C-alpha atoms as a PDB file:
ATOM      1  CA  MET A   1     -21.080  65.364 -60.926  1.00  0.00           C
ATOM      2  CA  THR A   2     -21.472  61.662 -60.128  1.00  0.00           C
ATOM      3  CA  ASP A   3     -24.011  60.524 -57.562  1.00  0.00           C
ATOM      4  CA  THR A   4     -22.059  59.502 -54.449  1.00  0.00           C
ATOM      5  CA  ARG A   5     -24.880  57.191 -53.391  1.00  0.00           C
ATOM      6  CA  GLU A   6     -24.320  55.089 -56.511  1.00  0.00           C
ATOM      7  CA  ARG A   7     -20.517  55.219 -56.343  1.00  0.00           C
ATOM      8  CA  PRO A   8     -20.002  52.076 -54.204  1.00  0.00           C
ATOM      9  CA  GLN A   9     -22.113  50.000 -56.591  1.00  0.00           C
ATOM     10  CA  ARG A  10     -20.244  51.367 -59.616  1.00  0.00           C
ATOM     11  CA  GLU A  11     -16.964  50.462 -57.977  1.00  0.00           C
ATOM     12  CA  ALA A  12     -18.220  46.972 -57.102  1.00  0.00           C
ATOM     13  CA  ASP A  13     -19.492  46.359 -60.636  1.00  0.00           C
ATOM     14  CA  PHE A  14     -16.288  47.590 -62.259  1.00  0.00           C
ATOM     15  CA  HIS A  15     -14.025  45.502 -60.048  1.00  0.00           C
ATOM     16  CA  ASP A  16     -16.237  42.437 -60.308  1.00  0.00           C
ATOM     17  CA  HIS A  17     -15.780  42.625 -64.072  1.00  0.00           C
ATOM     18  CA  SER A  18     -12.054  43.336 -63.760  1.00  0.00           C
ATOM     19  CA  PHE A  19     -11.447  40.423 -61.379  1.00  0.00           C
ATOM     20  CA  GLU A  20     -13.556  38.079 -63.478  1.00  0.00           C
ATOM     21  CA  HIS A  21     -12.053  38.932 -66.861  1.00  0.00           C
ATOM     22  CA  GLY A  22      -8.571  40.221 -65.994  1.00  0.00           C
ATOM     23  CA  ASP A  23      -9.031  43.089 -68.419  1.00  0.00           C
ATOM     24  CA  ARG A  24      -6.165  45.250 -67.121  1.00  0.00           C
ATOM     25  CA  HIS A  25      -3.548  43.259 -69.043  1.00  0.00           C
ATOM     26  CA  ALA A  26      -3.200  46.224 -71.417  1.00  0.00           C
ATOM     27  CA  VAL A  27      -1.499  48.300 -68.717  1.00  0.00           C
ATOM     28  CA  GLN A  28       0.837  45.633 -67.349  1.00  0.00           C
ATOM     29  CA  ARG A  29       3.705  46.859 -69.536  1.00  0.00           C
ATOM     30  CA  PHE A  30       3.800  50.070 -67.533  1.00  0.00           C
ATOM     31  CA  TYR A  31       4.264  48.169 -64.287  1.00  0.00           C
ATOM     32  CA  SER A  32       7.520  46.717 -65.602  1.00  0.00           C
ATOM     33  CA  ILE A  33       9.287  49.728 -64.062  1.00  0.00           C
ATOM     34  CA  THR A  34       7.684  49.624 -60.600  1.00  0.00           C
ATOM     35  CA  GLU A  35      10.096  47.302 -58.813  1.00  0.00           C
ATOM     36  CA  ARG A  36      11.414  50.047 -56.511  1.00  0.00           C
ATOM     37  CA  SER A  37       8.022  51.207 -55.274  1.00  0.00           C
ATOM     38  CA  SER A  38       6.789  47.623 -54.907  1.00  0.00           C
ATOM     39  CA  ARG A  39       9.926  46.725 -52.978  1.00  0.00           C
ATOM     40  CA  GLN A  40       9.459  49.701 -50.647  1.00  0.00           C
ATOM     41  CA  TYR A  41       5.868  48.647 -49.947  1.00  0.00           C
ATOM     42  CA  GLU A  42       6.918  45.033 -49.403  1.00  0.00           C
ATOM     43  CA  THR A  43       9.727  46.146 -47.093  1.00  0.00           C
ATOM     44  CA  LEU A  44       7.203  47.940 -44.908  1.00  0.00           C
ATOM     45  CA  LEU A  45       5.005  44.834 -44.873  1.00  0.00           C
ATOM     46  CA  SER A  46       7.998  42.733 -43.861  1.00  0.00           C
ATOM     47  CA  THR A  47       8.282  44.731 -40.624  1.00  0.00           C
ATOM     48  CA  ILE A  48       4.887  43.423 -39.474  1.00  0.00           C
ATOM     49  CA  PRO A  49       5.491  40.817 -36.732  1.00  0.00           C
ATOM     50  CA  SER A  50       3.825  37.413 -36.902  1.00  0.00           C
ATOM     51  CA  SER A  51       1.874  38.220 -33.735  1.00  0.00           C
ATOM     52  CA  ALA A  52       0.116  41.178 -35.365  1.00  0.00           C
ATOM     53  CA  SER A  53      -3.451  41.536 -36.576  1.00  0.00           C
ATOM     54  CA  VAL A  54      -3.712  43.191 -39.999  1.00  0.00           C
ATOM     55  CA  LEU A  55      -6.535  44.661 -42.045  1.00  0.00           C
ATOM     56  CA  GLU A  56      -5.904  44.580 -45.787  1.00  0.00           C
ATOM     57  CA  TYR A  57      -7.822  47.421 -47.378  1.00  0.00           C
ATOM     58  CA  GLY A  58      -8.831  45.981 -50.738  1.00  0.00           C
ATOM     59  CA  CYS A  59      -8.052  42.359 -51.626  1.00  0.00           C
ATOM     60  CA  GLY A  60      -8.143  39.843 -54.470  1.00  0.00           C
ATOM     61  CA  GLN A  61      -5.912  37.268 -56.147  1.00  0.00           C
ATOM     62  CA  GLY A  62      -2.900  39.576 -55.773  1.00  0.00           C
ATOM     63  CA  SER A  63      -3.557  40.182 -52.112  1.00  0.00           C
ATOM     64  CA  ALA A  64      -0.653  40.864 -49.752  1.00  0.00           C
ATOM     65  CA  ALA A  65      -2.612  38.823 -47.221  1.00  0.00           C
ATOM     66  CA  PHE A  66      -1.246  35.597 -48.668  1.00  0.00           C
ATOM     67  CA  HIS A  67       2.399  36.408 -47.968  1.00  0.00           C
ATOM     68  CA  LEU A  68       1.542  37.804 -44.546  1.00  0.00           C
ATOM     69  CA  SER A  69      -0.493  34.722 -43.671  1.00  0.00           C
ATOM     70  CA  GLU A  70       2.374  32.455 -44.719  1.00  0.00           C
ATOM     71  CA  ARG A  71       4.376  34.131 -41.946  1.00  0.00           C
ATOM     72  CA  GLY A  72       1.575  33.437 -39.447  1.00  0.00           C
ATOM     73  CA  VAL A  73       0.159  36.967 -39.425  1.00  0.00           C
ATOM     74  CA  HIS A  74      -3.604  37.119 -38.845  1.00  0.00           C
ATOM     75  CA  VAL A  75      -5.038  39.058 -41.786  1.00  0.00           C
ATOM     76  CA  THR A  76      -8.566  40.214 -42.548  1.00  0.00           C
ATOM     77  CA  GLY A  77      -9.012  41.338 -46.145  1.00  0.00           C
ATOM     78  CA  VAL A  78     -11.971  43.457 -47.216  1.00  0.00           C
ATOM     79  CA  ASP A  79     -13.131  44.474 -50.675  1.00  0.00           C
ATOM     80  CA  ILE A  80     -16.289  45.914 -52.178  1.00  0.00           C
ATOM     81  CA  SER A  81     -16.117  43.328 -54.984  1.00  0.00           C
ATOM     82  CA  PRO A  82     -17.780  39.986 -54.158  1.00  0.00           C
ATOM     83  CA  ILE A  83     -15.803  38.333 -56.966  1.00  0.00           C
ATOM     84  CA  GLY A  84     -12.525  39.723 -55.628  1.00  0.00           C
ATOM     85  CA  VAL A  85     -13.339  38.359 -52.181  1.00  0.00           C
ATOM     86  CA  ARG A  86     -14.363  34.989 -53.619  1.00  0.00           C
ATOM     87  CA  GLN A  87     -11.102  34.722 -55.552  1.00  0.00           C
ATOM     88  CA  ALA A  88      -9.087  35.671 -52.464  1.00  0.00           C
ATOM     89  CA  ARG A  89     -10.838  32.979 -50.428  1.00  0.00           C
ATOM     90  CA  GLU A  90     -10.212  30.391 -53.131  1.00  0.00           C
ATOM     91  CA  THR A  91      -6.529  31.299 -53.343  1.00  0.00           C
ATOM     92  CA  ALA A  92      -6.116  31.159 -49.563  1.00  0.00           C
ATOM     93  CA  GLN A  93      -7.787  27.749 -49.469  1.00  0.00           C
ATOM     94  CA  LEU A  94      -5.597  26.387 -52.288  1.00  0.00           C
ATOM     95  CA  ARG A  95      -2.502  27.597 -50.451  1.00  0.00           C
ATOM     96  CA  GLY A  96      -3.673  26.190 -47.128  1.00  0.00           C
ATOM     97  CA  LEU A  97      -3.608  29.549 -45.357  1.00  0.00           C
ATOM     98  CA  SER A  98      -5.554  29.420 -42.116  1.00  0.00           C
ATOM     99  CA  THR A  99      -4.748  32.885 -40.761  1.00  0.00           C
ATOM    100  CA  ALA A 100      -6.278  34.862 -43.651  1.00  0.00           C
ATOM    101  CA  GLN A 101      -9.965  35.633 -43.968  1.00  0.00           C
ATOM    102  CA  PHE A 102     -11.805  37.782 -46.486  1.00  0.00           C
ATOM    103  CA  THR A 103     -15.140  39.550 -46.481  1.00  0.00           C
ATOM    104  CA  VAL A 104     -17.165  41.896 -48.671  1.00  0.00           C
ATOM    105  CA  MET A 105     -17.194  45.335 -47.079  1.00  0.00           C
ATOM    106  CA  ASP A 106     -17.280  49.023 -47.976  1.00  0.00           C
ATOM    107  CA  ALA A 107     -13.875  50.408 -46.981  1.00  0.00           C
ATOM    108  CA  GLU A 108     -15.445  53.777 -46.177  1.00  0.00           C
ATOM    109  CA  HIS A 109     -17.774  52.180 -43.604  1.00  0.00           C
ATOM    110  CA  LEU A 110     -15.918  49.369 -41.887  1.00  0.00           C
ATOM    111  CA  ASP A 111     -17.909  46.924 -39.782  1.00  0.00           C
ATOM    112  CA  PHE A 112     -15.196  46.737 -37.131  1.00  0.00           C
ATOM    113  CA  GLY A 113     -14.914  48.194 -33.684  1.00  0.00           C
ATOM    114  CA  PRO A 114     -12.272  50.772 -32.797  1.00  0.00           C
ATOM    115  CA  ARG A 115      -8.621  49.931 -32.150  1.00  0.00           C
ATOM    116  CA  LEU A 116      -8.940  46.380 -33.493  1.00  0.00           C
ATOM    117  CA  PHE A 117      -5.890  46.113 -35.779  1.00  0.00           C
ATOM    118  CA  ASP A 118      -2.162  46.606 -35.318  1.00  0.00           C
ATOM    119  CA  TYR A 119      -1.664  47.392 -39.009  1.00  0.00           C
ATOM    120  CA  VAL A 120      -3.650  48.348 -42.097  1.00  0.00           C
ATOM    121  CA  CYS A 121      -2.274  47.935 -45.615  1.00  0.00           C
ATOM    122  CA  GLY A 122      -3.528  48.485 -49.137  1.00  0.00           C
ATOM    123  CA  SER A 123      -2.296  48.826 -52.708  1.00  0.00           C
ATOM    124  CA  GLY A 124      -4.159  51.004 -55.197  1.00  0.00           C
ATOM    125  CA  ILE A 125      -7.215  51.423 -52.965  1.00  0.00           C
ATOM    126  CA  LEU A 126      -7.276  54.924 -51.475  1.00  0.00           C
ATOM    127  CA  HIS A 127      -7.692  56.666 -54.822  1.00  0.00           C
ATOM    128  CA  HIS A 128     -11.048  54.909 -55.226  1.00  0.00           C
ATOM    129  CA  LEU A 129     -12.386  56.278 -51.945  1.00  0.00           C
ATOM    130  CA  ASP A 130     -13.576  59.429 -50.251  1.00  0.00           C
ATOM    131  CA  LEU A 131     -10.225  60.186 -48.633  1.00  0.00           C
ATOM    132  CA  PRO A 132     -11.274  62.004 -45.442  1.00  0.00           C
ATOM    133  CA  GLN A 133     -13.712  59.175 -44.728  1.00  0.00           C
ATOM    134  CA  ALA A 134     -11.136  56.498 -45.562  1.00  0.00           C
ATOM    135  CA  TYR A 135      -8.397  58.113 -43.465  1.00  0.00           C
ATOM    136  CA  SER A 136     -10.842  58.453 -40.588  1.00  0.00           C
ATOM    137  CA  GLU A 137     -11.866  54.792 -40.768  1.00  0.00           C
ATOM    138  CA  VAL A 138      -8.275  53.559 -40.975  1.00  0.00           C
ATOM    139  CA  SER A 139      -7.279  55.684 -37.996  1.00  0.00           C
ATOM    140  CA  ARG A 140     -10.336  54.514 -36.053  1.00  0.00           C
ATOM    141  CA  VAL A 141      -9.596  50.794 -36.389  1.00  0.00           C
ATOM    142  CA  LEU A 142      -5.840  51.135 -35.763  1.00  0.00           C
ATOM    143  CA  ARG A 143      -4.516  50.526 -32.281  1.00  0.00           C
ATOM    144  CA  ASP A 144      -2.303  53.052 -30.539  1.00  0.00           C
ATOM    145  CA  ASP A 145       1.207  52.893 -32.004  1.00  0.00           C
ATOM    146  CA  GLY A 146      -0.180  51.042 -35.050  1.00  0.00           C
ATOM    147  CA  ALA A 147       0.682  51.808 -38.654  1.00  0.00           C
ATOM    148  CA  ALA A 148      -0.924  51.898 -42.090  1.00  0.00           C
ATOM    149  CA  PHE A 149       0.998  51.278 -45.314  1.00  0.00           C
ATOM    150  CA  PHE A 150      -0.345  52.247 -48.743  1.00  0.00           C
ATOM    151  CA  LEU A 151       0.925  52.231 -52.322  1.00  0.00           C
ATOM    152  CA  GLU A 152      -0.976  54.688 -54.530  1.00  0.00           C
ATOM    153  CA  PRO A 153      -0.822  56.424 -57.926  1.00  0.00           C
ATOM    154  CA  LEU A 154      -0.324  60.171 -58.126  1.00  0.00           C
ATOM    155  CA  GLY A 155      -2.308  62.541 -60.303  1.00  0.00           C
ATOM    156  CA  HIS A 156      -0.030  65.459 -61.266  1.00  0.00           C
ATOM    157  CA  ASN A 157       2.074  64.161 -64.155  1.00  0.00           C
ATOM    158  CA  PRO A 158       0.599  65.574 -67.397  1.00  0.00           C
ATOM    159  CA  LEU A 159       1.857  62.696 -69.575  1.00  0.00           C
ATOM    160  CA  ILE A 160       0.327  60.059 -67.305  1.00  0.00           C
ATOM    161  CA  ASN A 161      -2.887  62.046 -67.086  1.00  0.00           C
ATOM    162  CA  ALA A 162      -3.057  62.281 -70.887  1.00  0.00           C
ATOM    163  CA  TYR A 163      -2.883  58.485 -71.080  1.00  0.00           C
ATOM    164  CA  ARG A 164      -5.594  58.192 -68.434  1.00  0.00           C
ATOM    165  CA  ARG A 165      -7.886  60.459 -70.446  1.00  0.00           C
ATOM    166  CA  ARG A 166      -7.322  58.320 -73.566  1.00  0.00           C
ATOM    167  CA  THR A 167      -8.177  55.060 -71.749  1.00  0.00           C
ATOM    168  CA  PRO A 168     -11.257  55.751 -69.591  1.00  0.00           C
ATOM    169  CA  ASP A 169     -12.433  52.139 -69.926  1.00  0.00           C
ATOM    170  CA  LEU A 170      -9.476  51.011 -67.798  1.00  0.00           C
ATOM    171  CA  ARG A 171     -10.704  52.841 -64.699  1.00  0.00           C
ATOM    172  CA  THR A 172     -13.856  53.804 -62.877  1.00  0.00           C
ATOM    173  CA  PRO A 173     -15.419  57.259 -63.338  1.00  0.00           C
ATOM    174  CA  ASP A 174     -14.986  57.928 -59.623  1.00  0.00           C
ATOM    175  CA  GLU A 175     -11.334  57.120 -59.042  1.00  0.00           C
ATOM    176  CA  HIS A 176      -8.943  60.012 -58.485  1.00  0.00           C
ATOM    177  CA  PRO A 177      -5.151  59.493 -58.434  1.00  0.00           C
ATOM    178  CA  LEU A 178      -3.887  61.319 -55.382  1.00  0.00           C
ATOM    179  CA  VAL A 179      -2.638  64.883 -55.471  1.00  0.00           C
ATOM    180  CA  MET A 180      -0.475  66.615 -52.903  1.00  0.00           C
ATOM    181  CA  ARG A 181      -3.388  68.028 -50.940  1.00  0.00           C
ATOM    182  CA  ASP A 182      -4.764  64.477 -50.609  1.00  0.00           C
ATOM    183  CA  LEU A 183      -1.482  63.375 -49.083  1.00  0.00           C
ATOM    184  CA  ALA A 184      -1.451  66.380 -46.750  1.00  0.00           C
ATOM    185  CA  ARG A 185      -4.927  65.444 -45.475  1.00  0.00           C
ATOM    186  CA  ALA A 186      -3.454  62.333 -43.867  1.00  0.00           C
ATOM    187  CA  ASP A 187      -1.661  64.540 -41.322  1.00  0.00           C
ATOM    188  CA  ALA A 188      -4.994  65.315 -39.649  1.00  0.00           C
ATOM    189  CA  HIS A 189      -5.647  61.630 -38.954  1.00  0.00           C
ATOM    190  CA  PHE A 190      -2.259  60.141 -38.023  1.00  0.00           C
ATOM    191  CA  GLY A 191       0.580  61.071 -35.735  1.00  0.00           C
ATOM    192  CA  ARG A 192       3.281  60.826 -38.398  1.00  0.00           C
ATOM    193  CA  VAL A 193       3.117  60.383 -42.169  1.00  0.00           C
ATOM    194  CA  THR A 194       6.192  59.456 -44.232  1.00  0.00           C
ATOM    195  CA  LEU A 195       5.967  59.652 -48.027  1.00  0.00           C
ATOM    196  CA  SER A 196       8.278  58.031 -50.583  1.00  0.00           C
ATOM    197  CA  PHE A 197       7.978  58.986 -54.265  1.00  0.00           C
ATOM    198  CA  PHE A 198       8.863  56.852 -57.291  1.00  0.00           C
ATOM    199  CA  HIS A 199       9.005  56.718 -61.095  1.00  0.00           C
ATOM    200  CA  LEU A 200       9.456  59.952 -63.008  1.00  0.00           C
ATOM    201  CA  CYS A 201      12.479  59.560 -65.300  1.00  0.00           C
ATOM    202  CA  ALA A 202      12.051  55.792 -64.913  1.00  0.00           C
ATOM    203  CA  LEU A 203       9.029  56.057 -67.211  1.00  0.00           C
ATOM    204  CA  GLY A 204      11.540  56.410 -70.026  1.00  0.00           C
ATOM    205  CA  ALA A 205      12.554  52.760 -69.619  1.00  0.00           C
ATOM    206  CA  ILE A 206       9.131  51.412 -70.583  1.00  0.00           C
ATOM    207  CA  PRO A 207       9.797  51.339 -74.358  1.00  0.00           C
ATOM    208  CA  LEU A 208      12.931  49.277 -73.656  1.00  0.00           C
ATOM    209  CA  ARG A 209      11.209  46.625 -71.528  1.00  0.00           C
ATOM    210  CA  ARG A 210      11.753  43.833 -74.072  1.00  0.00           C
ATOM    211  CA  THR A 211      15.374  44.673 -74.838  1.00  0.00           C
ATOM    212  CA  ARG A 212      18.678  43.987 -73.113  1.00  0.00           C
ATOM    213  CA  LEU A 213      18.937  47.708 -72.377  1.00  0.00           C
ATOM    214  CA  PHE A 214      15.944  47.659 -70.049  1.00  0.00           C
ATOM    215  CA  GLY A 215      17.681  46.575 -66.843  1.00  0.00           C
ATOM    216  CA  PRO A 216      20.666  48.950 -67.049  1.00  0.00           C
ATOM    217  CA  SER A 217      18.461  51.811 -68.235  1.00  0.00           C
ATOM    218  CA  LEU A 218      15.952  51.350 -65.431  1.00  0.00           C
ATOM    219  CA  THR A 219      18.723  51.191 -62.840  1.00  0.00           C
ATOM    220  CA  ALA A 220      20.206  54.451 -64.124  1.00  0.00           C
ATOM    221  CA  LEU A 221      16.859  56.232 -64.390  1.00  0.00           C
ATOM    222  CA  ASP A 222      15.851  55.087 -60.892  1.00  0.00           C
ATOM    223  CA  ALA A 223      19.088  56.610 -59.587  1.00  0.00           C
ATOM    224  CA  ILE A 224      18.323  59.860 -61.412  1.00  0.00           C
ATOM    225  CA  ASP A 225      14.843  59.888 -59.858  1.00  0.00           C
ATOM    226  CA  ARG A 226      16.320  59.494 -56.374  1.00  0.00           C
ATOM    227  CA  ALA A 227      18.706  62.372 -56.992  1.00  0.00           C
ATOM    228  CA  ILE A 228      16.024  64.644 -58.457  1.00  0.00           C
ATOM    229  CA  PHE A 229      13.515  64.006 -55.669  1.00  0.00           C
ATOM    230  CA  ALA A 230      16.207  64.672 -53.036  1.00  0.00           C
ATOM    231  CA  ALA A 231      17.519  67.849 -54.679  1.00  0.00           C
ATOM    232  CA  ALA A 232      14.203  69.307 -55.876  1.00  0.00           C
ATOM    233  CA  PRO A 233      11.325  68.186 -53.603  1.00  0.00           C
ATOM    234  CA  PRO A 234       8.650  70.084 -55.617  1.00  0.00           C
ATOM    235  CA  LEU A 235       9.280  67.656 -58.494  1.00  0.00           C
ATOM    236  CA  ARG A 236       8.072  64.761 -56.356  1.00  0.00           C
ATOM    237  CA  ARG A 237       4.542  65.691 -57.360  1.00  0.00           C
ATOM    238  CA  LEU A 238       5.346  64.511 -60.914  1.00  0.00           C
ATOM    239  CA  ALA A 239       6.145  60.980 -59.734  1.00  0.00           C
ATOM    240  CA  TRP A 240       3.836  58.142 -60.688  1.00  0.00           C
ATOM    241  CA  ILE A 241       3.684  56.248 -57.374  1.00  0.00           C
ATOM    242  CA  VAL A 242       3.772  57.215 -53.710  1.00  0.00           C
ATOM    243  CA  VAL A 243       4.268  54.827 -50.788  1.00  0.00           C
ATOM    244  CA  MET A 244       2.668  56.083 -47.599  1.00  0.00           C
ATOM    245  CA  GLU A 245       3.636  55.111 -44.049  1.00  0.00           C
ATOM    246  CA  CYS A 246       1.069  56.458 -41.585  1.00  0.00           C
ATOM    247  CA  ARG A 247       1.852  55.980 -37.890  1.00  0.00           C
ATOM    248  CA  GLN A 248      -0.536  56.279 -34.969  1.00  0.00           C
ATOM    249  CA  PRO A 249       0.760  58.052 -31.863  1.00  0.00           C
ATOM    250  CA  ARG A 250       1.471  55.994 -28.775  1.00  0.00           C
ATOM    251  CA  GLY A 251      -1.390  55.848 -26.309  1.00  0.00           C
END
């Protein structure tokens, strides 16, 4: 069992190295099929009004904070990686974004008072954290009637898990793609949780990504995924990605 006291430093070290060297290029081919889940996440972000205050849970060069800030949204991005935060600050400065700020912070122990943000968002962050603690912190800093949006990997698909076991250097020893009980735990912290599942049959399009068949094949396989997940909900657990919409109750 890993020492939980050392876990934050392991995560910081791993992501410092990843941000500095960009050494996840080897897995980018898999993300060629993730347009639907990314679009769902971005659609949720697009509902955030320009008057809102947003906490981005995990940030870096690919931060959603940049697009939100371009719309005038006030965004605070936090990350345990000093290099990730530095890169986010540099990118915001280059793009002339004045409503985005970034700081090094442990997402499990936020240095913010309660009910400070209208929205919280994060992509690929929760599965690095102690979930009950993370859910509790997100709920604590959200205002009444606020919402949190997350895009996360799932951990049930045996083929995906086999690849993960073969490539341990691409991830930290502490991360844990979410399983169904992890998703169910969110119900204890938020008033309403809506889950959208993506990419089961669509995985079959990955070998075609550099061919003319890729687009039509992905479109067809995405449609099959939608039909399967609607007709057989238990198969949703075999999806690769889940998009979570967690709503606070009205005060």
